[in-house]
C-alpha cells in the first residue's frame, strides 16, 4: 500500500481484530514511556479529524467511527483507524521479524478461518 503524498492522513475502515493488530503495531517500536501512539478522542462524525493530530510529522493514530449517531451507517464490526504519514510508514516497515509472524496473530487468523495466504 502506498501513502498518497497529497494527503496528510489516511483513514482505514477495519474490524476489531485488525484494530488489535494495528494498535500493537503502532506501539511496537516504542517504550512504555513514549507518548501515546494511539488515541480515541470523541467528536461527532468527521469533526474529529482536523484537531485530532497536533503534529502531522509525528507517528500518530486515532481510533474513530465511534460516534453513536454515525454507527448506523457502518457495518457493526467496522471502526476507523486514521494514521499520519509517519505512522503509516512505521506500520508498513513491520517485517517478518516483528510480532506479525508470531503465534498470536497466526492463531487468531486460524480461529477466524482466514487462510495464511489471504491479506
PDB file of N, CA and C in Angstrom:
ATOM      1  N   UNK A   1       0.843  -1.173   0.000  1.00  0.00           N
ATOM      2  CA  UNK A   1       0.000   0.000   0.000  1.00  0.00           C
ATOM      3  C   UNK A   1       0.887   1.235   0.000  1.00  0.00           C
ATOM      4  N   UNK A   2       0.442   2.253  -0.689  1.00  0.00           N
ATOM      5  CA  UNK A   2       1.219   3.480  -0.820  1.00  0.00           C
ATOM      6  C   UNK A   2       0.445   4.643  -0.206  1.00  0.00           C
ATOM      7  N   UNK A   3       1.169   5.531   0.457  1.00  0.00           N
ATOM      8  CA  UNK A   3       0.563   6.722   1.052  1.00  0.00           C
ATOM      9  C   UNK A   3       0.535   7.808  -0.005  1.00  0.00           C
ATOM     10  N   UNK A   4      -0.650   8.326  -0.302  1.00  0.00           N
ATOM     11  CA  UNK A   4      -0.792   9.390  -1.289  1.00  0.00           C
ATOM     12  C   UNK A   4      -0.194  10.676  -0.715  1.00  0.00           C
ATOM     13  N   UNK A   5       0.792  11.217  -1.382  1.00  0.00           N
ATOM     14  CA  UNK A   5       1.502  12.389  -0.854  1.00  0.00           C
ATOM     15  C   UNK A   5       0.654  13.655  -0.833  1.00  0.00           C
ATOM     16  N   UNK A   6      -0.506  13.640  -1.456  1.00  0.00           N
ATOM     17  CA  UNK A   6      -1.374  14.819  -1.436  1.00  0.00           C
ATOM     18  C   UNK A   6      -2.121  14.955  -0.115  1.00  0.00           C
ATOM     19  N   UNK A   7      -2.173  13.893   0.663  1.00  0.00           N
ATOM     20  CA  UNK A   7      -2.931  13.902   1.901  1.00  0.00           C
ATOM     21  C   UNK A   7      -2.012  13.779   3.104  1.00  0.00           C
ATOM     22  N   UNK A   8      -2.443  14.290   4.250  1.00  0.00           N
ATOM     23  CA  UNK A   8      -1.648  14.250   5.476  1.00  0.00           C
ATOM     24  C   UNK A   8      -2.010  13.052   6.342  1.00  0.00           C
ATOM     25  N   UNK A   9      -3.218  12.506   6.150  1.00  0.00           N
ATOM     26  CA  UNK A   9      -3.680  11.373   6.947  1.00  0.00           C
ATOM     27  C   UNK A   9      -4.317  10.345   6.026  1.00  0.00           C
ATOM     28  N   UNK A  10      -4.413   9.118   6.516  1.00  0.00           N
ATOM     29  CA  UNK A  10      -5.147   8.066   5.824  1.00  0.00           C
ATOM     30  C   UNK A  10      -6.136   7.465   6.800  1.00  0.00           C
ATOM     31  N   UNK A  11      -7.329   7.163   6.310  1.00  0.00           N
ATOM     32  CA  UNK A  11      -8.367   6.546   7.119  1.00  0.00           C
ATOM     33  C   UNK A  11      -8.570   5.127   6.607  1.00  0.00           C
ATOM     34  N   UNK A  12      -8.482   4.160   7.520  1.00  0.00           N
ATOM     35  CA  UNK A  12      -8.690   2.762   7.176  1.00  0.00           C
ATOM     36  C   UNK A  12      -9.908   2.254   7.934  1.00  0.00           C
ATOM     37  N   UNK A  13     -10.838   1.643   7.233  1.00  0.00           N
ATOM     38  CA  UNK A  13     -12.002   1.029   7.875  1.00  0.00           C
ATOM     39  C   UNK A  13     -11.636  -0.416   8.165  1.00  0.00           C
ATOM     40  N   UNK A  14     -11.684  -0.780   9.442  1.00  0.00           N
ATOM     41  CA  UNK A  14     -11.142  -2.061   9.878  1.00  0.00           C
ATOM     42  C   UNK A  14     -12.068  -2.743  10.871  1.00  0.00           C
ATOM     43  N   UNK A  15     -11.849  -4.040  11.064  1.00  0.00           N
ATOM     44  CA  UNK A  15     -12.619  -4.781  12.062  1.00  0.00           C
ATOM     45  C   UNK A  15     -11.833  -4.812  13.381  1.00  0.00           C
ATOM     46  N   UNK A  16     -12.440  -5.269  14.469  1.00  0.00           N
ATOM     47  CA  UNK A  16     -11.754  -5.253  15.770  1.00  0.00           C
ATOM     48  C   UNK A  16     -10.450  -6.056  15.800  1.00  0.00           C
ATOM     49  N   UNK A  17     -10.372  -7.168  15.078  1.00  0.00           N
ATOM     50  CA  UNK A  17      -9.124  -7.936  15.043  1.00  0.00           C
ATOM     51  C   UNK A  17      -8.014  -7.123  14.380  1.00  0.00           C
ATOM     52  N   UNK A  18      -8.346  -6.464  13.295  1.00  0.00           N
ATOM     53  CA  UNK A  18      -7.367  -5.617  12.619  1.00  0.00           C
ATOM     54  C   UNK A  18      -6.970  -4.442  13.507  1.00  0.00           C
ATOM     55  N   UNK A  19      -7.933  -3.903  14.256  1.00  0.00           N
ATOM     56  CA  UNK A  19      -7.627  -2.819  15.188  1.00  0.00           C
ATOM     57  C   UNK A  19      -6.603  -3.282  16.213  1.00  0.00           C
ATOM     58  N   UNK A  20      -6.792  -4.469  16.768  1.00  0.00           N
ATOM     59  CA  UNK A  20      -5.841  -5.011  17.738  1.00  0.00           C
ATOM     60  C   UNK A  20      -4.443  -5.094  17.148  1.00  0.00           C
ATOM     61  N   UNK A  21      -4.361  -5.579  15.919  1.00  0.00           N
ATOM     62  CA  UNK A  21      -3.074  -5.711  15.243  1.00  0.00           C
ATOM     63  C   UNK A  21      -2.429  -4.347  15.012  1.00  0.00           C
ATOM     64  N   UNK A  22      -3.213  -3.385  14.536  1.00  0.00           N
ATOM     65  CA  UNK A  22      -2.670  -2.062  14.225  1.00  0.00           C
ATOM     66  C   UNK A  22      -2.260  -1.295  15.489  1.00  0.00           C
ATOM     67  N   UNK A  23      -3.011  -1.456  16.569  1.00  0.00           N
ATOM     68  CA  UNK A  23      -2.631  -0.803  17.827  1.00  0.00           C
ATOM     69  C   UNK A  23      -1.309  -1.397  18.327  1.00  0.00           C
ATOM     70  N   UNK A  24      -1.181  -2.710  18.255  1.00  0.00           N
ATOM     71  CA  UNK A  24       0.085  -3.353  18.646  1.00  0.00           C
ATOM     72  C   UNK A  24       1.217  -2.872  17.746  1.00  0.00           C
ATOM     73  N   UNK A  25       0.962  -2.777  16.450  1.00  0.00           N
ATOM     74  CA  UNK A  25       1.974  -2.312  15.510  1.00  0.00           C
ATOM     75  C   UNK A  25       2.377  -0.870  15.760  1.00  0.00           C
ATOM     76  N   UNK A  26       1.414  -0.046  16.140  1.00  0.00           N
ATOM     77  CA  UNK A  26       1.694   1.372  16.412  1.00  0.00           C
ATOM     78  C   UNK A  26       2.617   1.536  17.618  1.00  0.00           C
ATOM     79  N   UNK A  27       2.509   0.632  18.574  1.00  0.00           N
ATOM     80  CA  UNK A  27       3.327   0.720  19.784  1.00  0.00           C
ATOM     81  C   UNK A  27       4.575  -0.153  19.722  1.00  0.00           C
ATOM     82  N   UNK A  28       4.739  -0.918  18.675  1.00  0.00           N
ATOM     83  CA  UNK A  28       5.766  -1.964  18.600  1.00  0.00           C
ATOM     84  C   UNK A  28       7.176  -1.464  18.863  1.00  0.00           C
ATOM     85  N   UNK A  29       7.575  -0.372  18.291  1.00  0.00           N
ATOM     86  CA  UNK A  29       8.956   0.110  18.430  1.00  0.00           C
ATOM     87  C   UNK A  29       9.074   1.268  19.438  1.00  0.00           C
ATOM     88  N   UNK A  30       8.106   1.383  20.324  1.00  0.00           N
ATOM     89  CA  UNK A  30       8.107   2.463  21.301  1.00  0.00           C
ATOM     90  C   UNK A  30       8.123   1.885  22.708  1.00  0.00           C
ATOM     91  N   UNK A  31       8.686   2.622  23.636  1.00  0.00           N
ATOM     92  CA  UNK A  31       8.733   2.160  25.026  1.00  0.00           C
ATOM     93  C   UNK A  31       7.443   2.551  25.747  1.00  0.00           C
ATOM     94  N   UNK A  32       7.304   2.008  26.914  1.00  0.00           N
ATOM     95  CA  UNK A  32       6.138   2.342  27.747  1.00  0.00           C
ATOM     96  C   UNK A  32       6.162   3.809  28.166  1.00  0.00           C
ATOM     97  N   UNK A  33       7.321   4.448  28.043  1.00  0.00           N
ATOM     98  CA  UNK A  33       7.462   5.842  28.454  1.00  0.00           C
ATOM     99  C   UNK A  33       7.294   6.818  27.287  1.00  0.00           C
ATOM    100  N   UNK A  34       7.100   6.288  26.082  1.00  0.00           N
ATOM    101  CA  UNK A  34       6.870   7.141  24.907  1.00  0.00           C
ATOM    102  C   UNK A  34       5.495   7.777  25.001  1.00  0.00           C
ATOM    103  N   UNK A  35       5.302   8.910  24.321  1.00  0.00           N
ATOM    104  CA  UNK A  35       3.953   9.480  24.268  1.00  0.00           C
ATOM    105  C   UNK A  35       2.997   8.466  23.625  1.00  0.00           C
ATOM    106  N   UNK A  36       1.724   8.505  23.980  1.00  0.00           N
ATOM    107  CA  UNK A  36       0.770   7.559  23.382  1.00  0.00           C
ATOM    108  C   UNK A  36       0.792   7.643  21.860  1.00  0.00           C
ATOM    109  N   UNK A  37       0.800   6.514  21.209  1.00  0.00           N
ATOM    110  CA  UNK A  37       0.814   6.457  19.749  1.00  0.00           C
ATOM    111  C   UNK A  37      -0.594   6.411  19.177  1.00  0.00           C
ATOM    112  N   UNK A  38      -1.552   5.948  19.972  1.00  0.00           N
ATOM    113  CA  UNK A  38      -2.931   5.777  19.509  1.00  0.00           C
ATOM    114  C   UNK A  38      -3.861   6.411  20.531  1.00  0.00           C
ATOM    115  N   UNK A  39      -4.843   7.149  20.048  1.00  0.00           N
ATOM    116  CA  UNK A  39      -5.836   7.735  20.944  1.00  0.00           C
ATOM    117  C   UNK A  39      -7.228   7.490  20.373  1.00  0.00           C
ATOM    118  N   UNK A  40      -8.225   7.709  21.196  1.00  0.00           N
ATOM    119  CA  UNK A  40      -9.613   7.551  20.769  1.00  0.00           C
ATOM    120  C   UNK A  40     -10.445   8.707  21.308  1.00  0.00           C
ATOM    121  N   UNK A  41     -10.135   9.934  20.875  1.00  0.00           N
ATOM    122  CA  UNK A  41     -10.919  11.087  21.344  1.00  0.00           C
ATOM    123  C   UNK A  41     -12.312  11.069  20.727  1.00  0.00           C
ATOM    124  N   UNK A  42     -13.251  11.677  21.391  1.00  0.00           N
ATOM    125  CA  UNK A  42     -14.608  11.727  20.841  1.00  0.00           C
ATOM    126  C   UNK A  42     -14.831  13.021  20.091  1.00  0.00           C
ATOM    127  N   UNK A  43     -15.514  12.893  18.981  1.00  0.00           N
ATOM    128  CA  UNK A  43     -16.048  14.032  18.241  1.00  0.00           C
ATOM    129  C   UNK A  43     -17.183  13.488  17.385  1.00  0.00           C
ATOM    130  N   UNK A  44     -18.115  14.324  17.043  1.00  0.00           N
ATOM    131  CA  UNK A  44     -19.221  13.855  16.226  1.00  0.00           C
ATOM    132  C   UNK A  44     -18.796  13.762  14.767  1.00  0.00           C
ATOM    133  N   UNK A  45     -19.197  12.679  14.132  1.00  0.00           N
ATOM    134  CA  UNK A  45     -18.937  12.483  12.704  1.00  0.00           C
ATOM    135  C   UNK A  45     -17.491  12.695  12.331  1.00  0.00           C
ATOM    136  N   UNK A  46     -17.258  13.468  11.288  1.00  0.00           N
ATOM    137  CA  UNK A  46     -15.901  13.720  10.794  1.00  0.00           C
ATOM    138  C   UNK A  46     -15.258  14.914  11.475  1.00  0.00           C
ATOM    139  N   UNK A  47     -15.920  15.528  12.441  1.00  0.00           N
ATOM    140  CA  UNK A  47     -15.387  16.693  13.111  1.00  0.00           C
ATOM    141  C   UNK A  47     -14.085  16.418  13.833  1.00  0.00           C
ATOM    142  N   UNK A  48     -13.770  15.170  14.020  1.00  0.00           N
ATOM    143  CA  UNK A  48     -12.585  14.771  14.760  1.00  0.00           C
ATOM    144  C   UNK A  48     -11.288  15.009  14.009  1.00  0.00           C
ATOM    145  N   UNK A  49     -11.278  14.849  12.710  1.00  0.00           N
ATOM    146  CA  UNK A  49     -10.010  14.709  12.009  1.00  0.00           C
ATOM    147  C   UNK A  49      -9.145  15.956  11.975  1.00  0.00           C
ATOM    148  N   UNK A  50      -9.705  17.137  11.969  1.00  0.00           N
ATOM    149  CA  UNK A  50      -8.872  18.333  11.983  1.00  0.00           C
ATOM    150  C   UNK A  50      -8.052  18.463  13.246  1.00  0.00           C
ATOM    151  N   UNK A  51      -8.683  18.506  14.416  1.00  0.00           N
ATOM    152  CA  UNK A  51      -7.925  18.735  15.649  1.00  0.00           C
ATOM    153  C   UNK A  51      -7.282  17.486  16.243  1.00  0.00           C
ATOM    154  N   UNK A  52      -7.546  16.309  15.700  1.00  0.00           N
ATOM    155  CA  UNK A  52      -7.053  15.074  16.317  1.00  0.00           C
ATOM    156  C   UNK A  52      -5.542  14.951  16.259  1.00  0.00           C
ATOM    157  N   UNK A  53      -4.925  15.533  15.259  1.00  0.00           N
ATOM    158  CA  UNK A  53      -3.478  15.411  15.089  1.00  0.00           C
ATOM    159  C   UNK A  53      -2.819  16.780  15.282  1.00  0.00           C
ATOM    160  N   UNK A  54      -2.104  16.925  16.378  1.00  0.00           N
ATOM    161  CA  UNK A  54      -1.457  18.211  16.651  1.00  0.00           C
ATOM    162  C   UNK A  54      -0.163  18.377  15.861  1.00  0.00           C
ATOM    163  N   UNK A  55       0.448  17.246  15.460  1.00  0.00           N
ATOM    164  CA  UNK A  55       1.704  17.300  14.715  1.00  0.00           C
ATOM    165  C   UNK A  55       1.683  16.214  13.645  1.00  0.00           C
ATOM    166  N   UNK A  56       1.466  16.606  12.404  1.00  0.00           N
ATOM    167  CA  UNK A  56       1.353  15.635  11.315  1.00  0.00           C
ATOM    168  C   UNK A  56       2.686  14.978  10.977  1.00  0.00           C
ATOM    169  N   UNK A  57       3.781  15.462  11.545  1.00  0.00           N
ATOM    170  CA  UNK A  57       5.087  14.855  11.317  1.00  0.00           C
ATOM    171  C   UNK A  57       5.428  13.807  12.379  1.00  0.00           C
ATOM    172  N   UNK A  58       4.525  13.581  13.298  1.00  0.00           N
ATOM    173  CA  UNK A  58       4.715  12.600  14.376  1.00  0.00           C
ATOM    174  C   UNK A  58       3.929  11.336  14.035  1.00  0.00           C
ATOM    175  N   UNK A  59       4.502  10.151  14.292  1.00  0.00           N
ATOM    176  CA  UNK A  59       3.716   8.938  14.086  1.00  0.00           C
ATOM    177  C   UNK A  59       2.557   8.910  15.089  1.00  0.00           C
ATOM    178  N   UNK A  60       1.356   8.966  14.573  1.00  0.00           N
ATOM    179  CA  UNK A  60       0.178   9.094  15.426  1.00  0.00           C
ATOM    180  C   UNK A  60      -0.997   8.391  14.765  1.00  0.00           C
ATOM    181  N   UNK A  61      -1.905   7.882  15.593  1.00  0.00           N
ATOM    182  CA  UNK A  61      -3.096   7.205  15.077  1.00  0.00           C
ATOM    183  C   UNK A  61      -4.291   7.517  15.968  1.00  0.00           C
ATOM    184  N   UNK A  62      -5.463   7.522  15.358  1.00  0.00           N
ATOM    185  CA  UNK A  62      -6.708   7.793  16.075  1.00  0.00           C
ATOM    186  C   UNK A  62      -7.722   6.714  15.717  1.00  0.00           C
ATOM    187  N   UNK A  63      -8.344   6.160  16.742  1.00  0.00           N
ATOM    188  CA  UNK A  63      -9.450   5.219  16.550  1.00  0.00           C
ATOM    189  C   UNK A  63     -10.713   6.057  16.419  1.00  0.00           C
ATOM    190  N   UNK A  64     -11.479   5.807  15.381  1.00  0.00           N
ATOM    191  CA  UNK A  64     -12.671   6.610  15.143  1.00  0.00           C
ATOM    192  C   UNK A  64     -13.873   5.786  14.728  1.00  0.00           C
ATOM    193  N   UNK A  65     -14.876   6.485  14.246  1.00  0.00           N
ATOM    194  CA  UNK A  65     -16.174   5.913  13.884  1.00  0.00           C
ATOM    195  C   UNK A  65     -16.871   5.365  15.131  1.00  0.00           C
ATOM    196  N   UNK A  66     -16.700   6.075  16.239  1.00  0.00           N
ATOM    197  CA  UNK A  66     -17.328   5.660  17.488  1.00  0.00           C
ATOM    198  C   UNK A  66     -18.554   6.504  17.845  1.00  0.00           C
ATOM    199  N   UNK A  67     -18.832   7.528  17.065  1.00  0.00           N
ATOM    200  CA  UNK A  67     -19.999   8.378  17.308  1.00  0.00           C
ATOM    201  C   UNK A  67     -21.262   7.541  17.132  1.00  0.00           C
ATOM    202  N   UNK A  68     -22.043   7.431  18.168  1.00  0.00           N
ATOM    203  CA  UNK A  68     -23.238   6.583  18.160  1.00  0.00           C
ATOM    204  C   UNK A  68     -24.219   6.987  17.060  1.00  0.00           C
ATOM    205  N   UNK A  69     -24.247   8.274  16.705  1.00  0.00           N
ATOM    206  CA  UNK A  69     -25.152   8.737  15.655  1.00  0.00           C
ATOM    207  C   UNK A  69     -24.697   8.281  14.272  1.00  0.00           C
ATOM    208  N   UNK A  70     -23.417   8.026  14.102  1.00  0.00           N
ATOM    209  CA  UNK A  70     -22.869   7.619  12.806  1.00  0.00           C
ATOM    210  C   UNK A  70     -22.824   6.101  12.670  1.00  0.00           C
ATOM    211  N   UNK A  71     -22.799   5.375  13.784  1.00  0.00           N
ATOM    212  CA  UNK A  71     -22.646   3.927  13.758  1.00  0.00           C
ATOM    213  C   UNK A  71     -23.701   3.249  12.884  1.00  0.00           C
ATOM    214  N   UNK A  72     -24.892   3.810  12.780  1.00  0.00           N
ATOM    215  CA  UNK A  72     -25.958   3.193  11.983  1.00  0.00           C
ATOM    216  C   UNK A  72     -25.616   3.119  10.493  1.00  0.00           C
ATOM    217  N   UNK A  73     -24.661   3.909  10.054  1.00  0.00           N
ATOM    218  CA  UNK A  73     -24.275   3.930   8.646  1.00  0.00           C
ATOM    219  C   UNK A  73     -23.098   3.012   8.339  1.00  0.00           C
ATOM    220  N   UNK A  74     -22.583   2.353   9.355  1.00  0.00           N
ATOM    221  CA  UNK A  74     -21.432   1.460   9.201  1.00  0.00           C
ATOM    222  C   UNK A  74     -21.812   0.036   9.583  1.00  0.00           C
ATOM    223  N   UNK A  75     -21.153  -0.949   8.998  1.00  0.00           N
ATOM    224  CA  UNK A  75     -21.361  -2.326   9.464  1.00  0.00           C
ATOM    225  C   UNK A  75     -20.993  -2.418  10.946  1.00  0.00           C
ATOM    226  N   UNK A  76     -21.657  -3.299  11.657  1.00  0.00           N
ATOM    227  CA  UNK A  76     -21.487  -3.408  13.108  1.00  0.00           C
ATOM    228  C   UNK A  76     -20.049  -3.693  13.525  1.00  0.00           C
ATOM    229  N   UNK A  77     -19.287  -4.358  12.690  1.00  0.00           N
ATOM    230  CA  UNK A  77     -17.932  -4.754  13.075  1.00  0.00           C
ATOM    231  C   UNK A  77     -16.844  -3.864  12.477  1.00  0.00           C
ATOM    232  N   UNK A  78     -17.189  -2.645  12.085  1.00  0.00           N
ATOM    233  CA  UNK A  78     -16.216  -1.762  11.443  1.00  0.00           C
ATOM    234  C   UNK A  78     -15.961  -0.516  12.303  1.00  0.00           C
ATOM    235  N   UNK A  79     -14.669  -0.181  12.444  1.00  0.00           N
ATOM    236  CA  UNK A  79     -14.226   1.054  13.083  1.00  0.00           C
ATOM    237  C   UNK A  79     -13.266   1.749  12.124  1.00  0.00           C
ATOM    238  N   UNK A  80     -12.870   2.949  12.448  1.00  0.00           N
ATOM    239  CA  UNK A  80     -11.888   3.670  11.630  1.00  0.00           C
ATOM    240  C   UNK A  80     -10.570   3.724  12.387  1.00  0.00           C
ATOM    241  N   UNK A  81      -9.492   3.620  11.641  1.00  0.00           N
ATOM    242  CA  UNK A  81      -8.146   3.778  12.188  1.00  0.00           C
ATOM    243  C   UNK A  81      -7.449   4.768  11.273  1.00  0.00           C
ATOM    244  N   UNK A  82      -7.239   5.973  11.770  1.00  0.00           N
ATOM    245  CA  UNK A  82      -6.674   7.051  10.964  1.00  0.00           C
ATOM    246  C   UNK A  82      -5.235   7.279  11.393  1.00  0.00           C
ATOM    247  N   UNK A  83      -4.346   7.374  10.408  1.00  0.00           N
ATOM    248  CA  UNK A  83      -2.920   7.500  10.699  1.00  0.00           C
ATOM    249  C   UNK A  83      -2.295   8.678   9.964  1.00  0.00           C
ATOM    250  N   UNK A  84      -1.259   9.230  10.576  1.00  0.00           N
ATOM    251  CA  UNK A  84      -0.432  10.219   9.892  1.00  0.00           C
ATOM    252  C   UNK A  84       0.534   9.476   8.973  1.00  0.00           C
ATOM    253  N   UNK A  85       1.164  10.212   8.092  1.00  0.00           N
ATOM    254  CA  UNK A  85       2.119   9.578   7.171  1.00  0.00           C
ATOM    255  C   UNK A  85       3.250   8.869   7.922  1.00  0.00           C
ATOM    256  N   UNK A  86       3.865   9.478   8.962  1.00  0.00           N
ATOM    257  CA  UNK A  86       4.914   8.755   9.680  1.00  0.00           C
ATOM    258  C   UNK A  86       4.419   7.451  10.324  1.00  0.00           C
ATOM    259  N   UNK A  87       3.185   7.430  10.823  1.00  0.00           N
ATOM    260  CA  UNK A  87       2.647   6.195  11.405  1.00  0.00           C
ATOM    261  C   UNK A  87       2.411   5.160  10.317  1.00  0.00           C
ATOM    262  N   UNK A  88       1.876   5.600   9.184  1.00  0.00           N
ATOM    263  CA  UNK A  88       1.668   4.692   8.059  1.00  0.00           C
ATOM    264  C   UNK A  88       2.993   4.036   7.672  1.00  0.00           C
ATOM    265  N   UNK A  89       4.045   4.838   7.569  1.00  0.00           N
ATOM    266  CA  UNK A  89       5.363   4.307   7.197  1.00  0.00           C
ATOM    267  C   UNK A  89       5.895   3.357   8.261  1.00  0.00           C
ATOM    268  N   UNK A  90       5.662   3.668   9.518  1.00  0.00           N
ATOM    269  CA  UNK A  90       6.089   2.799  10.622  1.00  0.00           C
ATOM    270  C   UNK A  90       5.384   1.451  10.548  1.00  0.00           C
ATOM    271  N   UNK A  91       4.087   1.471  10.290  1.00  0.00           N
ATOM    272  CA  UNK A  91       3.332   0.220  10.200  1.00  0.00           C
ATOM    273  C   UNK A  91       3.771  -0.604   8.986  1.00  0.00           C
ATOM    274  N   UNK A  92       4.033   0.068   7.878  1.00  0.00           N
ATOM    275  CA  UNK A  92       4.480  -0.632   6.674  1.00  0.00           C
ATOM    276  C   UNK A  92       5.873  -1.230   6.840  1.00  0.00           C
ATOM    277  N   UNK A  93       6.655  -0.699   7.762  1.00  0.00           N
ATOM    278  CA  UNK A  93       8.011  -1.189   7.978  1.00  0.00           C
ATOM    279  C   UNK A  93       8.059  -2.456   8.843  1.00  0.00           C
ATOM    280  N   UNK A  94       6.934  -2.844   9.419  1.00  0.00           N
ATOM    281  CA  UNK A  94       6.919  -4.083  10.200  1.00  0.00           C
ATOM    282  C   UNK A  94       7.247  -5.240   9.258  1.00  0.00           C
ATOM    283  N   UNK A  95       8.145  -6.104   9.680  1.00  0.00           N
ATOM    284  CA  UNK A  95       8.583  -7.180   8.795  1.00  0.00           C
ATOM    285  C   UNK A  95       8.424  -8.547   9.457  1.00  0.00           C
ATOM    286  N   UNK A  96       9.036  -9.556   8.853  1.00  0.00           N
ATOM    287  CA  UNK A  96       8.909 -10.928   9.338  1.00  0.00           C
ATOM    288  C   UNK A  96       9.542 -11.116  10.718  1.00  0.00           C
ATOM    289  N   UNK A  97      10.351 -10.183  11.167  1.00  0.00           N
ATOM    290  CA  UNK A  97      10.956 -10.282  12.493  1.00  0.00           C
ATOM    291  C   UNK A  97      10.073  -9.663  13.580  1.00  0.00           C
ATOM    292  N   UNK A  98       8.971  -9.048  13.188  1.00  0.00           N
ATOM    293  CA  UNK A  98       8.079  -8.427  14.165  1.00  0.00           C
ATOM    294  C   UNK A  98       7.069  -9.461  14.668  1.00  0.00           C
ATOM    295  N   UNK A  99       6.153  -8.997  15.471  1.00  0.00           N
ATOM    296  CA  UNK A  99       5.115  -9.865  16.031  1.00  0.00           C
ATOM    297  C   UNK A  99       4.167 -10.413  14.972  1.00  0.00           C
ATOM    298  N   UNK A 100       4.207  -9.870  13.755  1.00  0.00           N
ATOM    299  CA  UNK A 100       3.280 -10.314  12.715  1.00  0.00           C
ATOM    300  C   UNK A 100       3.397 -11.802  12.405  1.00  0.00           C
ATOM    301  N   UNK A 101       4.578 -12.357  12.562  1.00  0.00           N
ATOM    302  CA  UNK A 101       4.766 -13.785  12.327  1.00  0.00           C
ATOM    303  C   UNK A 101       4.733 -14.585  13.614  1.00  0.00           C
ATOM    304  N   UNK A 102       4.342 -13.946  14.700  1.00  0.00           N
ATOM    305  CA  UNK A 102       4.267 -14.622  15.992  1.00  0.00           C
ATOM    306  C   UNK A 102       3.009 -15.467  16.115  1.00  0.00           C
ATOM    307  N   UNK A 103       2.924 -16.209  17.187  1.00  0.00           N
ATOM    308  CA  UNK A 103       1.811 -17.147  17.347  1.00  0.00           C
ATOM    309  C   UNK A 103       0.444 -16.496  17.554  1.00  0.00           C
ATOM    310  N   UNK A 104       0.395 -15.321  18.170  1.00  0.00           N
ATOM    311  CA  UNK A 104      -0.912 -14.735  18.483  1.00  0.00           C
ATOM    312  C   UNK A 104      -1.701 -14.381  17.226  1.00  0.00           C
ATOM    313  N   UNK A 105      -1.075 -13.676  16.292  1.00  0.00           N
ATOM    314  CA  UNK A 105      -1.763 -13.286  15.059  1.00  0.00           C
ATOM    315  C   UNK A 105      -2.080 -14.518  14.220  1.00  0.00           C
ATOM    316  N   UNK A 106      -1.157 -15.464  14.161  1.00  0.00           N
ATOM    317  CA  UNK A 106      -1.365 -16.701  13.404  1.00  0.00           C
ATOM    318  C   UNK A 106      -2.540 -17.485  13.985  1.00  0.00           C
ATOM    319  N   UNK A 107      -2.596 -17.614  15.303  1.00  0.00           N
ATOM    320  CA  UNK A 107      -3.686 -18.348  15.956  1.00  0.00           C
ATOM    321  C   UNK A 107      -5.024 -17.642  15.766  1.00  0.00           C
ATOM    322  N   UNK A 108      -5.025 -16.329  15.855  1.00  0.00           N
ATOM    323  CA  UNK A 108      -6.267 -15.577  15.668  1.00  0.00           C
ATOM    324  C   UNK A 108      -6.796 -15.756  14.250  1.00  0.00           C
ATOM    325  N   UNK A 109      -5.926 -15.645  13.264  1.00  0.00           N
ATOM    326  CA  UNK A 109      -6.348 -15.829  11.871  1.00  0.00           C
ATOM    327  C   UNK A 109      -6.887 -17.240  11.656  1.00  0.00           C
ATOM    328  N   UNK A 110      -6.244 -18.220  12.252  1.00  0.00           N
ATOM    329  CA  UNK A 110      -6.708 -19.606  12.126  1.00  0.00           C
ATOM    330  C   UNK A 110      -8.088 -19.757  12.774  1.00  0.00           C
ATOM    331  N   UNK A 111      -8.262 -19.176  13.951  1.00  0.00           N
ATOM    332  CA  UNK A 111      -9.548 -19.234  14.665  1.00  0.00           C
ATOM    333  C   UNK A 111     -10.666 -18.578  13.848  1.00  0.00           C
ATOM    334  N   UNK A 112     -10.336 -17.516  13.127  1.00  0.00           N
ATOM    335  CA  UNK A 112     -11.320 -16.809  12.313  1.00  0.00           C
ATOM    336  C   UNK A 112     -11.527 -17.468  10.948  1.00  0.00           C
ATOM    337  N   UNK A 113     -10.751 -18.514  10.652  1.00  0.00           N
ATOM    338  CA  UNK A 113     -10.890 -19.196   9.364  1.00  0.00           C
ATOM    339  C   UNK A 113     -10.264 -18.436   8.215  1.00  0.00           C
ATOM    340  N   UNK A 114      -9.237 -17.636   8.509  1.00  0.00           N
ATOM    341  CA  UNK A 114      -8.561 -16.862   7.473  1.00  0.00           C
ATOM    342  C   UNK A 114      -7.302 -17.605   7.076  1.00  0.00           C
ATOM    343  N   UNK A 115      -7.205 -17.945   5.827  1.00  0.00           N
ATOM    344  CA  UNK A 115      -6.044 -18.654   5.294  1.00  0.00           C
ATOM    345  C   UNK A 115      -4.823 -17.759   5.395  1.00  0.00           C
ATOM    346  N   UNK A 116      -3.656 -18.343   5.642  1.00  0.00           N
ATOM    347  CA  UNK A 116      -2.423 -17.561   5.798  1.00  0.00           C
ATOM    348  C   UNK A 116      -2.024 -16.853   4.527  1.00  0.00           C
ATOM    349  N   UNK A 117      -2.558 -17.257   3.363  1.00  0.00           N
ATOM    350  CA  UNK A 117      -2.235 -16.579   2.112  1.00  0.00           C
ATOM    351  C   UNK A 117      -3.165 -15.423   1.830  1.00  0.00           C
ATOM    352  N   UNK A 118      -4.271 -15.281   2.602  1.00  0.00           N
ATOM    353  CA  UNK A 118      -5.181 -14.145   2.445  1.00  0.00           C
ATOM    354  C   UNK A 118      -4.535 -12.903   3.031  1.00  0.00           C
ATOM    355  N   UNK A 119      -4.901 -11.736   2.473  1.00  0.00           N
ATOM    356  CA  UNK A 119      -4.355 -10.493   3.049  1.00  0.00           C
ATOM    357  C   UNK A 119      -5.239  -9.994   4.149  1.00  0.00           C
TER     358      UNK A 119
END
